Amino acid sequence: MTPAISFEFYPPKTDEQRVQLDRTARKLKAWTPDFVSVTFGAGGSTLSYTPDVVRELRETHGFDSVPHLSCMGGTREEIRELLRLYRALGCTQLVALRGDLPSGMARMGDLRYAGDLVSFIRQEQGDHFRIHVGCYPEMHPQAEDALADLAHFKAKMDAGADAAITQYFYNADAYFHFVEQARRAGVDAPIIPGIMPISNFSQLKRFSDACGAEIPRWIGKRMAAFGDDADSIREFAADLVARMCERLVAGGAPELHFYTLNLAKPTEAVLSRLR
């Protein structure tokens, strides 16, 4: 089984993190991803670093690097300048997100929602960029309900998005149900599942509480049963995620997008089981 894959990296803030990202990029390059995306960093705190990392990944590693672009806290002119910069760097894809309000910033920005950002990109750059947006198989944590969440997703797609990448999950049925509901709502674009390999379970629980991703109870119980046996935890985690990926691809998922957290080993452990 050889699914199409892509990776997500985040911008490093320290010299040590930069070395880590370079090491990870060199290792994961061997898996020939379709593209790699670059986030704004946790909590939208690293707005200015993203273009530098996009450039580095393109020039040093030869990746098709895809910047995340957030409308939160930014003016139209600031977003316009970023679009020009990314086009000049050779980028042909973007991930357009509402994002989080950057730390230390009090204002929402000129564009309030991801759908507004997608429309703005189309007005400014036409069809130059292939635009990915986010979606939530288990519902956005701030959504009123699941139907409202689906309506917000469809609005983003109708605004001109080409594809979607999901929040991570550990229940393949949640993805399949979401895709089915999206198709019934008239969304026919690719919906790429986001995959989070498990490297640090306590950290994963914190992430999941914040973003609304559900970790099935039995997984937590099994992790707890291993105690301090790190090798068993790694093997169990890689097997678990790989089996889910196999189900997703067999069920029609167009690609797998791995949230690497700038680490190579957890993602490679899953990929080695798929190929």
C-alpha atoms as a PDB file:
ATOM      1  CA  MET A   1       0.000   0.000   0.000  1.00  0.00           C
ATOM      2  CA  THR A   2       1.541   3.307  -1.090  1.00  0.00           C
ATOM      3  CA  PRO A   3      -0.773   6.210  -0.271  1.00  0.00           C
ATOM      4  CA  ALA A   4       0.013   9.762  -1.300  1.00  0.00           C
ATOM      5  CA  ILE A   5       1.336  11.635   1.727  1.00  0.00           C
ATOM      6  CA  SER A   6       2.147  15.135   2.927  1.00  0.00           C
ATOM      7  CA  PHE A   7       3.707  16.519   6.113  1.00  0.00           C
ATOM      8  CA  GLU A   8       3.153  19.489   8.399  1.00  0.00           C
ATOM      9  CA  PHE A   9       6.047  21.308  10.102  1.00  0.00           C
ATOM     10  CA  TYR A  10       6.042  24.275  12.473  1.00  0.00           C
ATOM     11  CA  PRO A  11       8.503  27.203  12.417  1.00  0.00           C
ATOM     12  CA  PRO A  12      11.386  26.731  14.868  1.00  0.00           C
ATOM     13  CA  LYS A  13      12.154  29.503  17.342  1.00  0.00           C
ATOM     14  CA  THR A  14      15.593  28.462  18.620  1.00  0.00           C
ATOM     15  CA  ASP A  15      18.847  27.253  17.069  1.00  0.00           C
ATOM     16  CA  GLU A  16      18.248  23.833  18.595  1.00  0.00           C
ATOM     17  CA  GLN A  17      14.779  23.666  17.039  1.00  0.00           C
ATOM     18  CA  ARG A  18      16.187  24.749  13.677  1.00  0.00           C
ATOM     19  CA  VAL A  19      18.695  21.898  13.767  1.00  0.00           C
ATOM     20  CA  GLN A  20      15.876  19.525  14.706  1.00  0.00           C
ATOM     21  CA  LEU A  21      13.705  20.640  11.798  1.00  0.00           C
ATOM     22  CA  ASP A  22      16.587  20.339   9.336  1.00  0.00           C
ATOM     23  CA  ARG A  23      17.306  16.808  10.581  1.00  0.00           C
ATOM     24  CA  THR A  24      13.646  15.820  10.376  1.00  0.00           C
ATOM     25  CA  ALA A  25      13.229  17.313   6.893  1.00  0.00           C
ATOM     26  CA  ARG A  26      16.241  15.350   5.616  1.00  0.00           C
ATOM     27  CA  LYS A  27      14.853  12.091   6.991  1.00  0.00           C
ATOM     28  CA  LEU A  28      11.271  12.576   5.815  1.00  0.00           C
ATOM     29  CA  LYS A  29      12.348  13.699   2.346  1.00  0.00           C
ATOM     30  CA  ALA A  30      13.030  10.026   1.596  1.00  0.00           C
ATOM     31  CA  TRP A  31       9.276   9.393   1.771  1.00  0.00           C
ATOM     32  CA  THR A  32       8.687  11.740  -1.221  1.00  0.00           C
ATOM     33  CA  PRO A  33       5.728  13.744   0.101  1.00  0.00           C
ATOM     34  CA  ASP A  34       3.471  15.565  -2.335  1.00  0.00           C
ATOM     35  CA  PHE A  35       3.980  18.726  -0.276  1.00  0.00           C
ATOM     36  CA  VAL A  36       4.894  19.950   3.188  1.00  0.00           C
ATOM     37  CA  SER A  37       2.921  22.647   4.983  1.00  0.00           C
ATOM     38  CA  VAL A  38       4.324  25.206   7.417  1.00  0.00           C
ATOM     39  CA  THR A  39       2.173  26.467  10.266  1.00  0.00           C
ATOM     40  CA  PHE A  40       2.045  29.815  12.011  1.00  0.00           C
ATOM     41  CA  GLY A  41       3.242  28.063  15.180  1.00  0.00           C
ATOM     42  CA  ALA A  42       1.366  27.251  18.337  1.00  0.00           C
ATOM     43  CA  GLY A  43      -1.260  29.837  19.181  1.00  0.00           C
ATOM     44  CA  GLY A  44      -0.383  31.945  16.139  1.00  0.00           C
ATOM     45  CA  SER A  45       2.728  33.244  17.899  1.00  0.00           C
ATOM     46  CA  THR A  46       5.258  32.928  15.082  1.00  0.00           C
ATOM     47  CA  LEU A  47       3.720  34.923  12.279  1.00  0.00           C
ATOM     48  CA  SER A  48       6.998  36.303  10.942  1.00  0.00           C
ATOM     49  CA  TYR A  49       8.879  32.989  10.875  1.00  0.00           C
ATOM     50  CA  THR A  50       6.685  31.111   8.403  1.00  0.00           C
ATOM     51  CA  PRO A  51       8.042  32.687   5.161  1.00  0.00           C
ATOM     52  CA  ASP A  52      11.635  31.967   6.214  1.00  0.00           C
ATOM     53  CA  VAL A  53      10.857  28.303   6.829  1.00  0.00           C
ATOM     54  CA  VAL A  54       8.905  28.048   3.573  1.00  0.00           C
ATOM     55  CA  ARG A  55      11.923  29.412   1.699  1.00  0.00           C
ATOM     56  CA  GLU A  56      14.362  27.113   3.520  1.00  0.00           C
ATOM     57  CA  LEU A  57      12.314  23.986   2.870  1.00  0.00           C
ATOM     58  CA  ARG A  58      12.028  24.858  -0.816  1.00  0.00           C
ATOM     59  CA  GLU A  59      15.630  25.886  -1.444  1.00  0.00           C
ATOM     60  CA  THR A  60      17.517  23.488   0.833  1.00  0.00           C
ATOM     61  CA  HIS A  61      15.336  20.388   0.722  1.00  0.00           C
ATOM     62  CA  GLY A  62      13.443  20.769  -2.558  1.00  0.00           C
ATOM     63  CA  PHE A  63      10.002  20.409  -0.985  1.00  0.00           C
ATOM     64  CA  ASP A  64       6.843  21.899  -2.434  1.00  0.00           C
ATOM     65  CA  SER A  65       6.371  23.926   0.752  1.00  0.00           C
ATOM     66  CA  VAL A  66       2.896  25.260   1.453  1.00  0.00           C
ATOM     67  CA  PRO A  67       2.481  28.112   3.934  1.00  0.00           C
ATOM     68  CA  HIS A  68      -0.382  28.359   6.383  1.00  0.00           C
ATOM     69  CA  LEU A  69      -2.044  31.748   6.126  1.00  0.00           C
ATOM     70  CA  SER A  70      -4.229  33.034   8.965  1.00  0.00           C
ATOM     71  CA  CYS A  71      -6.550  36.017   8.883  1.00  0.00           C
ATOM     72  CA  MET A  72      -6.603  36.376  12.676  1.00  0.00           C
ATOM     73  CA  GLY A  73      -4.968  39.625  13.782  1.00  0.00           C
ATOM     74  CA  GLY A  74      -3.840  40.652  10.281  1.00  0.00           C
ATOM     75  CA  THR A  75      -4.881  43.538   8.071  1.00  0.00           C
ATOM     76  CA  ARG A  76      -5.822  43.165   4.422  1.00  0.00           C
ATOM     77  CA  GLU A  77      -2.579  44.884   3.424  1.00  0.00           C
ATOM     78  CA  GLU A  78      -0.474  42.538   5.558  1.00  0.00           C
ATOM     79  CA  ILE A  79      -2.184  39.506   4.019  1.00  0.00           C
ATOM     80  CA  ARG A  80      -1.823  41.037   0.546  1.00  0.00           C
ATOM     81  CA  GLU A  81       1.935  41.422   1.081  1.00  0.00           C
ATOM     82  CA  LEU A  82       2.252  37.824   2.284  1.00  0.00           C
ATOM     83  CA  LEU A  83       0.442  36.588  -0.813  1.00  0.00           C
ATOM     84  CA  ARG A  84       2.847  38.537  -3.016  1.00  0.00           C
ATOM     85  CA  LEU A  85       5.825  37.171  -1.080  1.00  0.00           C
ATOM     86  CA  TYR A  86       4.655  33.562  -1.320  1.00  0.00           C
ATOM     87  CA  ARG A  87       4.003  33.921  -5.022  1.00  0.00           C
ATOM     88  CA  ALA A  88       7.509  35.378  -5.476  1.00  0.00           C
ATOM     89  CA  LEU A  89       8.953  32.408  -3.573  1.00  0.00           C
ATOM     90  CA  GLY A  90       7.322  30.062  -6.083  1.00  0.00           C
ATOM     91  CA  CYS A  91       4.500  28.805  -3.899  1.00  0.00           C
ATOM     92  CA  THR A  92       1.428  27.544  -5.736  1.00  0.00           C
ATOM     93  CA  GLN A  93      -0.531  26.247  -2.721  1.00  0.00           C
ATOM     94  CA  LEU A  94      -1.739  27.700   0.569  1.00  0.00           C
ATOM     95  CA  VAL A  95      -3.523  26.487   3.693  1.00  0.00           C
ATOM     96  CA  ALA A  96      -6.060  29.202   4.590  1.00  0.00           C
ATOM     97  CA  LEU A  97      -7.208  29.204   8.210  1.00  0.00           C
ATOM     98  CA  ARG A  98      -8.941  31.496  10.644  1.00  0.00           C
ATOM     99  CA  GLY A  99      -6.235  30.700  13.181  1.00  0.00           C
ATOM    100  CA  ASP A 100      -5.782  31.861  16.747  1.00  0.00           C
ATOM    101  CA  LEU A 101      -5.279  35.449  17.818  1.00  0.00           C
ATOM    102  CA  PRO A 102      -1.486  35.899  18.049  1.00  0.00           C
ATOM    103  CA  SER A 103      -0.211  36.344  21.585  1.00  0.00           C
ATOM    104  CA  GLY A 104      -0.015  39.978  22.603  1.00  0.00           C
ATOM    105  CA  MET A 105      -2.507  41.138  19.945  1.00  0.00           C
ATOM    106  CA  ALA A 106      -5.870  42.544  20.956  1.00  0.00           C
ATOM    107  CA  ARG A 107      -7.655  42.975  17.609  1.00  0.00           C
ATOM    108  CA  MET A 108      -9.329  40.321  15.495  1.00  0.00           C
ATOM    109  CA  GLY A 109      -8.043  41.517  12.116  1.00  0.00           C
ATOM    110  CA  ASP A 110      -9.775  42.790   8.979  1.00  0.00           C
ATOM    111  CA  LEU A 111     -10.993  39.324   7.941  1.00  0.00           C
ATOM    112  CA  ARG A 112     -12.883  37.415  10.594  1.00  0.00           C
ATOM    113  CA  TYR A 113     -13.413  33.935   9.150  1.00  0.00           C
ATOM    114  CA  ALA A 114     -11.502  31.484   6.964  1.00  0.00           C
ATOM    115  CA  GLY A 115     -14.165  31.834   4.265  1.00  0.00           C
ATOM    116  CA  ASP A 116     -13.456  35.577   4.139  1.00  0.00           C
ATOM    117  CA  LEU A 117      -9.747  34.804   3.751  1.00  0.00           C
ATOM    118  CA  VAL A 118     -10.400  32.364   0.913  1.00  0.00           C
ATOM    119  CA  SER A 119     -12.510  34.975  -0.901  1.00  0.00           C
ATOM    120  CA  PHE A 120      -9.795  37.606  -0.385  1.00  0.00           C
ATOM    121  CA  ILE A 121      -7.093  35.305  -1.786  1.00  0.00           C
ATOM    122  CA  ARG A 122      -9.207  34.664  -4.868  1.00  0.00           C
ATOM    123  CA  GLN A 123      -9.828  38.408  -5.346  1.00  0.00           C
ATOM    124  CA  GLU A 124      -6.129  39.192  -5.021  1.00  0.00           C
ATOM    125  CA  GLN A 125      -4.505  36.262  -6.807  1.00  0.00           C
ATOM    126  CA  GLY A 126      -7.202  34.627  -8.908  1.00  0.00           C
ATOM    127  CA  ASP A 127      -6.548  30.914  -9.413  1.00  0.00           C
ATOM    128  CA  HIS A 128      -2.776  31.076  -8.883  1.00  0.00           C
ATOM    129  CA  PHE A 129      -2.944  29.253  -5.535  1.00  0.00           C
ATOM    130  CA  ARG A 130      -4.495  25.906  -4.786  1.00  0.00           C
ATOM    131  CA  ILE A 131      -6.215  26.622  -1.469  1.00  0.00           C
ATOM    132  CA  HIS A 132      -6.619  24.091   1.328  1.00  0.00           C
ATOM    133  CA  VAL A 133      -8.851  24.805   4.305  1.00  0.00           C
ATOM    134  CA  GLY A 134      -9.342  23.016   7.614  1.00  0.00           C
ATOM    135  CA  CYS A 135     -12.278  20.895   8.756  1.00  0.00           C
ATOM    136  CA  TYR A 136     -13.282  18.946  11.848  1.00  0.00           C
ATOM    137  CA  PRO A 137     -14.697  15.413  11.596  1.00  0.00           C
ATOM    138  CA  GLU A 138     -15.464  15.542  15.338  1.00  0.00           C
ATOM    139  CA  MET A 139     -16.708  19.154  15.192  1.00  0.00           C
ATOM    140  CA  HIS A 140     -14.855  22.406  15.805  1.00  0.00           C
ATOM    141  CA  PRO A 141     -14.703  23.030  19.572  1.00  0.00           C
ATOM    142  CA  GLN A 142     -16.308  26.467  19.136  1.00  0.00           C
ATOM    143  CA  ALA A 143     -19.112  25.378  16.802  1.00  0.00           C
ATOM    144  CA  GLU A 144     -22.708  25.664  17.987  1.00  0.00           C
ATOM    145  CA  ASP A 145     -23.485  22.118  16.845  1.00  0.00           C
ATOM    146  CA  ALA A 146     -22.468  19.598  14.185  1.00  0.00           C
ATOM    147  CA  LEU A 147     -24.867  20.937  11.534  1.00  0.00           C
ATOM    148  CA  ALA A 148     -23.637  24.496  12.014  1.00  0.00           C
ATOM    149  CA  ASP A 149     -20.062  23.251  11.789  1.00  0.00           C
ATOM    150  CA  LEU A 150     -20.828  21.526   8.489  1.00  0.00           C
ATOM    151  CA  ALA A 151     -22.459  24.707   7.177  1.00  0.00           C
ATOM    152  CA  HIS A 152     -19.337  26.731   8.065  1.00  0.00           C
ATOM    153  CA  PHE A 153     -17.190  24.177   6.238  1.00  0.00           C
ATOM    154  CA  LYS A 154     -19.365  24.324   3.123  1.00  0.00           C
ATOM    155  CA  ALA A 155     -19.162  28.133   3.176  1.00  0.00           C
ATOM    156  CA  LYS A 156     -15.359  27.918   3.062  1.00  0.00           C
ATOM    157  CA  MET A 157     -15.481  25.547   0.129  1.00  0.00           C
ATOM    158  CA  ASP A 158     -18.051  27.686  -1.691  1.00  0.00           C
ATOM    159  CA  ALA A 159     -15.782  30.720  -1.205  1.00  0.00           C
ATOM    160  CA  GLY A 160     -13.237  29.103  -3.510  1.00  0.00           C
ATOM    161  CA  ALA A 161     -11.255  26.451  -1.624  1.00  0.00           C
ATOM    162  CA  ASP A 162      -9.919  23.500  -3.618  1.00  0.00           C
ATOM    163  CA  ALA A 163      -9.412  20.909  -0.871  1.00  0.00           C
ATOM    164  CA  ALA A 164      -9.640  20.400   2.880  1.00  0.00           C
ATOM    165  CA  ILE A 165      -7.362  18.887   5.516  1.00  0.00           C
ATOM    166  CA  THR A 166      -9.008  17.545   8.647  1.00  0.00           C
ATOM    167  CA  GLN A 167      -8.095  17.945  12.286  1.00  0.00           C
ATOM    168  CA  TYR A 168      -6.529  14.714  13.541  1.00  0.00           C
ATOM    169  CA  PHE A 169      -8.717  11.962  14.968  1.00  0.00           C
ATOM    170  CA  TYR A 170      -8.393   8.331  16.068  1.00  0.00           C
ATOM    171  CA  ASN A 171     -11.768   7.101  14.885  1.00  0.00           C
ATOM    172  CA  ALA A 172     -11.887   6.396  11.158  1.00  0.00           C
ATOM    173  CA  ASP A 173     -15.691   6.240  11.242  1.00  0.00           C
ATOM    174  CA  ALA A 174     -15.773   9.910  12.274  1.00  0.00           C
ATOM    175  CA  TYR A 175     -13.882  10.764   9.064  1.00  0.00           C
ATOM    176  CA  PHE A 176     -16.076   8.610   6.835  1.00  0.00           C
ATOM    177  CA  HIS A 177     -19.254  10.042   8.336  1.00  0.00           C
ATOM    178  CA  PHE A 178     -17.989  13.599   7.910  1.00  0.00           C
ATOM    179  CA  VAL A 179     -17.085  12.985   4.254  1.00  0.00           C
ATOM    180  CA  GLU A 180     -20.497  11.447   3.629  1.00  0.00           C
ATOM    181  CA  GLN A 181     -22.246  14.443   5.182  1.00  0.00           C
ATOM    182  CA  ALA A 182     -20.057  16.872   3.215  1.00  0.00           C
ATOM    183  CA  ARG A 183     -20.892  15.094  -0.055  1.00  0.00           C
ATOM    184  CA  ARG A 184     -24.610  15.291   0.749  1.00  0.00           C
ATOM    185  CA  ALA A 185     -24.149  19.017   1.384  1.00  0.00           C
ATOM    186  CA  GLY A 186     -22.665  19.440  -2.093  1.00  0.00           C
ATOM    187  CA  VAL A 187     -18.929  19.464  -1.316  1.00  0.00           C
ATOM    188  CA  ASP A 188     -17.135  17.312  -3.870  1.00  0.00           C
ATOM    189  CA  ALA A 189     -13.541  18.508  -3.270  1.00  0.00           C
ATOM    190  CA  PRO A 190     -10.882  16.203  -1.757  1.00  0.00           C
ATOM    191  CA  ILE A 191     -11.029  15.890   2.038  1.00  0.00           C
ATOM    192  CA  ILE A 192      -7.607  14.784   3.270  1.00  0.00           C
ATOM    193  CA  PRO A 193      -7.433  13.152   6.706  1.00  0.00           C
ATOM    194  CA  GLY A 194      -4.967  14.702   9.128  1.00  0.00           C
ATOM    195  CA  ILE A 195      -2.916  12.068  10.960  1.00  0.00           C
ATOM    196  CA  MET A 196      -1.213  12.628  14.318  1.00  0.00           C
ATOM    197  CA  PRO A 197       1.370   9.941  15.128  1.00  0.00           C
ATOM    198  CA  ILE A 198       1.596   9.422  18.878  1.00  0.00           C
ATOM    199  CA  SER A 199       4.947  10.410  20.357  1.00  0.00           C
ATOM    200  CA  ASN A 200       4.062  11.835  23.779  1.00  0.00           C
ATOM    201  CA  PHE A 201       0.694  10.711  25.110  1.00  0.00           C
ATOM    202  CA  SER A 202       0.374  13.279  27.905  1.00  0.00           C
ATOM    203  CA  GLN A 203       1.155  16.056  25.413  1.00  0.00           C
ATOM    204  CA  LEU A 204      -1.349  14.567  22.978  1.00  0.00           C
ATOM    205  CA  LYS A 205      -4.059  14.652  25.650  1.00  0.00           C
ATOM    206  CA  ARG A 206      -3.411  18.362  26.220  1.00  0.00           C
ATOM    207  CA  PHE A 207      -3.565  19.068  22.475  1.00  0.00           C
ATOM    208  CA  SER A 208      -6.749  17.058  22.149  1.00  0.00           C
ATOM    209  CA  ASP A 209      -8.500  18.824  25.018  1.00  0.00           C
ATOM    210  CA  ALA A 210      -7.726  22.162  23.361  1.00  0.00           C
ATOM    211  CA  CYS A 211      -8.743  21.291  19.805  1.00  0.00           C
ATOM    212  CA  GLY A 212     -11.689  19.001  20.432  1.00  0.00           C
ATOM    213  CA  ALA A 213     -10.141  15.790  19.074  1.00  0.00           C
ATOM    214  CA  GLU A 214     -11.368  12.709  20.921  1.00  0.00           C
ATOM    215  CA  ILE A 215      -8.973  10.029  22.138  1.00  0.00           C
ATOM    216  CA  PRO A 216     -11.013   6.828  22.564  1.00  0.00           C
ATOM    217  CA  ARG A 217     -11.036   5.688  26.184  1.00  0.00           C
ATOM    218  CA  TRP A 218      -9.585   2.266  25.395  1.00  0.00           C
ATOM    219  CA  ILE A 219      -6.462   3.850  23.886  1.00  0.00           C
ATOM    220  CA  GLY A 220      -5.775   5.808  27.055  1.00  0.00           C
ATOM    221  CA  LYS A 221      -6.349   2.707  29.174  1.00  0.00           C
ATOM    222  CA  ARG A 222      -3.940   0.661  27.059  1.00  0.00           C
ATOM    223  CA  MET A 223      -1.317   3.400  27.207  1.00  0.00           C
ATOM    224  CA  ALA A 224      -1.643   3.556  30.997  1.00  0.00           C
ATOM    225  CA  ALA A 225      -1.259  -0.229  31.253  1.00  0.00           C
ATOM    226  CA  PHE A 226       2.187  -0.068  29.625  1.00  0.00           C
ATOM    227  CA  GLY A 227       3.439   2.121  32.475  1.00  0.00           C
ATOM    228  CA  ASP A 228       7.038   3.166  31.810  1.00  0.00           C
ATOM    229  CA  ASP A 229       7.611   0.629  29.021  1.00  0.00           C
ATOM    230  CA  ALA A 230       8.468   3.195  26.317  1.00  0.00           C
ATOM    231  CA  ASP A 231       9.211   0.582  23.642  1.00  0.00           C
ATOM    232  CA  SER A 232       5.808  -1.065  24.027  1.00  0.00           C
ATOM    233  CA  ILE A 233       4.084   2.323  23.957  1.00  0.00           C
ATOM    234  CA  ARG A 234       5.858   3.266  20.704  1.00  0.00           C
ATOM    235  CA  GLU A 235       5.021  -0.069  19.052  1.00  0.00           C
ATOM    236  CA  PHE A 236       1.383   0.063  20.137  1.00  0.00           C
ATOM    237  CA  ALA A 237       1.013   3.695  19.016  1.00  0.00           C
ATOM    238  CA  ALA A 238       2.554   3.076  15.587  1.00  0.00           C
ATOM    239  CA  ASP A 239       0.467  -0.064  15.005  1.00  0.00           C
ATOM    240  CA  LEU A 240      -2.709   1.739  16.075  1.00  0.00           C
ATOM    241  CA  VAL A 241      -2.218   4.738  13.778  1.00  0.00           C
ATOM    242  CA  ALA A 242      -1.030   2.597  10.855  1.00  0.00           C
ATOM    243  CA  ARG A 243      -4.134   0.392  11.042  1.00  0.00           C
ATOM    244  CA  MET A 244      -6.321   3.471  11.008  1.00  0.00           C
ATOM    245  CA  CYS A 245      -4.435   4.806   7.968  1.00  0.00           C
ATOM    246  CA  GLU A 246      -4.971   1.514   6.164  1.00  0.00           C
ATOM    247  CA  ARG A 247      -8.716   1.795   6.791  1.00  0.00           C
ATOM    248  CA  LEU A 248      -8.771   5.395   5.600  1.00  0.00           C
ATOM    249  CA  VAL A 249      -6.971   4.674   2.350  1.00  0.00           C
ATOM    250  CA  ALA A 250      -9.025   1.522   1.702  1.00  0.00           C
ATOM    251  CA  GLY A 251     -12.147   3.623   2.293  1.00  0.00           C
ATOM    252  CA  GLY A 252     -11.184   6.217  -0.302  1.00  0.00           C
ATOM    253  CA  ALA A 253      -9.114   8.863   1.505  1.00  0.00           C
ATOM    254  CA  PRO A 254      -7.261  10.764  -1.249  1.00  0.00           C
ATOM    255  CA  GLU A 255      -4.061  11.320   0.753  1.00  0.00           C
ATOM    256  CA  LEU A 256      -2.663  11.247   4.298  1.00  0.00           C
ATOM    257  CA  HIS A 257      -1.418  14.485   5.886  1.00  0.00           C
ATOM    258  CA  PHE A 258       0.904  13.851   8.852  1.00  0.00           C
ATOM    259  CA  TYR A 259       1.239  16.307  11.718  1.00  0.00           C
ATOM    260  CA  THR A 260       4.912  15.632  12.444  1.00  0.00           C
ATOM    261  CA  LEU A 261       5.530  18.062  15.335  1.00  0.00           C
ATOM    262  CA  ASN A 262       8.952  18.393  13.637  1.00  0.00           C
ATOM    263  CA  LEU A 263       9.819  14.807  14.621  1.00  0.00           C
ATOM    264  CA  ALA A 264      10.736  12.103  12.116  1.00  0.00           C
ATOM    265  CA  LYS A 265      10.585   8.844  14.073  1.00  0.00           C
ATOM    266  CA  PRO A 266       6.867   8.681  15.011  1.00  0.00           C
ATOM    267  CA  THR A 267       5.806   9.438  11.419  1.00  0.00           C
ATOM    268  CA  GLU A 268       8.366   7.019   9.940  1.00  0.00           C
ATOM    269  CA  ALA A 269       7.187   4.284  12.317  1.00  0.00           C
ATOM    270  CA  VAL A 270       3.681   4.600  10.860  1.00  0.00           C
ATOM    271  CA  LEU A 271       4.814   4.906   7.238  1.00  0.00           C
ATOM    272  CA  SER A 272       7.110   1.874   7.502  1.00  0.00           C
ATOM    273  CA  ARG A 273       4.077  -0.205   8.471  1.00  0.00           C
ATOM    274  CA  LEU A 274       2.103   1.078   5.471  1.00  0.00           C
ATOM    275  CA  ARG A 275       4.781   0.353   2.866  1.00  0.00           C
END
